[in-house]
């Protein structure tokens, strides 16, 4: 049973990664100027900071 759940979880992660990569490639096509690229980088940076803060919060809760 654990192997089946692990396989299902791995498949779900693979699908999420595939959709993420597909979304990124379509986003890259939309970037036309360096200003748009700068805005996109700033947005991703903010999202990474948010995820990092969430992970730190979860880590504190688990400790």
C-alpha atoms as a PDB file:
ATOM      1  CA  UNK A   1       0.000   0.000   0.000  1.00  0.00           C
ATOM      2  CA  UNK A   2       2.841   2.390   0.840  1.00  0.00           C
ATOM      3  CA  UNK A   3       4.460   1.713  -2.537  1.00  0.00           C
ATOM      4  CA  UNK A   4       1.214   2.559  -4.317  1.00  0.00           C
ATOM      5  CA  UNK A   5       0.871   5.818  -2.383  1.00  0.00           C
ATOM      6  CA  UNK A   6       4.508   6.706  -3.031  1.00  0.00           C
ATOM      7  CA  UNK A   7       4.059   6.009  -6.742  1.00  0.00           C
ATOM      8  CA  UNK A   8       0.886   8.097  -6.875  1.00  0.00           C
ATOM      9  CA  UNK A   9       2.635  10.950  -5.077  1.00  0.00           C
ATOM     10  CA  UNK A  10       5.617  10.765  -7.441  1.00  0.00           C
ATOM     11  CA  UNK A  11       3.280  10.819 -10.432  1.00  0.00           C
ATOM     12  CA  UNK A  12       1.471  13.853  -9.035  1.00  0.00           C
ATOM     13  CA  UNK A  13       4.775  15.669  -8.543  1.00  0.00           C
ATOM     14  CA  UNK A  14       5.852  14.796 -12.087  1.00  0.00           C
ATOM     15  CA  UNK A  15       2.600  16.166 -13.484  1.00  0.00           C
ATOM     16  CA  UNK A  16       2.942  19.361 -11.462  1.00  0.00           C
ATOM     17  CA  UNK A  17       6.504  19.792 -12.700  1.00  0.00           C
ATOM     18  CA  UNK A  18       5.416  19.238 -16.310  1.00  0.00           C
ATOM     19  CA  UNK A  19       2.633  21.818 -16.026  1.00  0.00           C
ATOM     20  CA  UNK A  20       4.994  24.223 -14.299  1.00  0.00           C
ATOM     21  CA  UNK A  21       7.560  23.928 -17.075  1.00  0.00           C
ATOM     22  CA  UNK A  22       4.854  24.363 -19.715  1.00  0.00           C
ATOM     23  CA  UNK A  23       3.587  27.469 -17.928  1.00  0.00           C
ATOM     24  CA  UNK A  24       7.086  28.912 -17.700  1.00  0.00           C
ATOM     25  CA  UNK A  25       7.726  28.440 -21.406  1.00  0.00           C
ATOM     26  CA  UNK A  26       4.517  30.269 -22.308  1.00  0.00           C
ATOM     27  CA  UNK A  27       5.425  33.040 -19.862  1.00  0.00           C
ATOM     28  CA  UNK A  28       8.844  33.410 -21.497  1.00  0.00           C
ATOM     29  CA  UNK A  29       7.195  33.984 -24.868  1.00  0.00           C
ATOM     30  CA  UNK A  30       5.154  36.828 -23.360  1.00  0.00           C
ATOM     31  CA  UNK A  31       8.191  38.739 -22.141  1.00  0.00           C
ATOM     32  CA  UNK A  32       8.914  41.324 -24.813  1.00  0.00           C
ATOM     33  CA  UNK A  33      11.130  43.923 -23.207  1.00  0.00           C
ATOM     34  CA  UNK A  34      13.735  44.136 -20.499  1.00  0.00           C
ATOM     35  CA  UNK A  35      11.252  46.078 -18.357  1.00  0.00           C
ATOM     36  CA  UNK A  36       8.800  43.169 -18.501  1.00  0.00           C
ATOM     37  CA  UNK A  37      11.627  40.776 -17.678  1.00  0.00           C
ATOM     38  CA  UNK A  38      12.661  42.896 -14.694  1.00  0.00           C
ATOM     39  CA  UNK A  39       9.089  42.930 -13.410  1.00  0.00           C
ATOM     40  CA  UNK A  40       8.811  39.140 -13.867  1.00  0.00           C
ATOM     41  CA  UNK A  41      12.079  38.574 -11.974  1.00  0.00           C
ATOM     42  CA  UNK A  42      10.909  40.824  -9.128  1.00  0.00           C
ATOM     43  CA  UNK A  43       7.606  38.931  -8.938  1.00  0.00           C
ATOM     44  CA  UNK A  44       9.328  35.541  -8.820  1.00  0.00           C
ATOM     45  CA  UNK A  45      11.741  36.840  -6.192  1.00  0.00           C
ATOM     46  CA  UNK A  46       8.812  37.959  -4.047  1.00  0.00           C
ATOM     47  CA  UNK A  47       7.147  34.563  -4.447  1.00  0.00           C
ATOM     48  CA  UNK A  48      10.362  32.789  -3.424  1.00  0.00           C
ATOM     49  CA  UNK A  49      10.605  34.991  -0.326  1.00  0.00           C
ATOM     50  CA  UNK A  50       6.978  34.177   0.550  1.00  0.00           C
ATOM     51  CA  UNK A  51       7.591  30.437   0.185  1.00  0.00           C
ATOM     52  CA  UNK A  52      10.746  30.708   2.280  1.00  0.00           C
ATOM     53  CA  UNK A  53       8.853  32.524   5.033  1.00  0.00           C
ATOM     54  CA  UNK A  54       6.112  29.879   4.932  1.00  0.00           C
ATOM     55  CA  UNK A  55       8.645  27.064   5.181  1.00  0.00           C
ATOM     56  CA  UNK A  56      10.341  28.748   8.136  1.00  0.00           C
ATOM     57  CA  UNK A  57       6.957  29.117   9.831  1.00  0.00           C
ATOM     58  CA  UNK A  58       6.183  25.435   9.255  1.00  0.00           C
ATOM     59  CA  UNK A  59       9.628  24.501  10.574  1.00  0.00           C
ATOM     60  CA  UNK A  60       8.978  26.494  13.771  1.00  0.00           C
ATOM     61  CA  UNK A  61       5.570  24.846  14.177  1.00  0.00           C
ATOM     62  CA  UNK A  62       7.099  21.391  13.823  1.00  0.00           C
ATOM     63  CA  UNK A  63       9.891  22.119  16.292  1.00  0.00           C
END
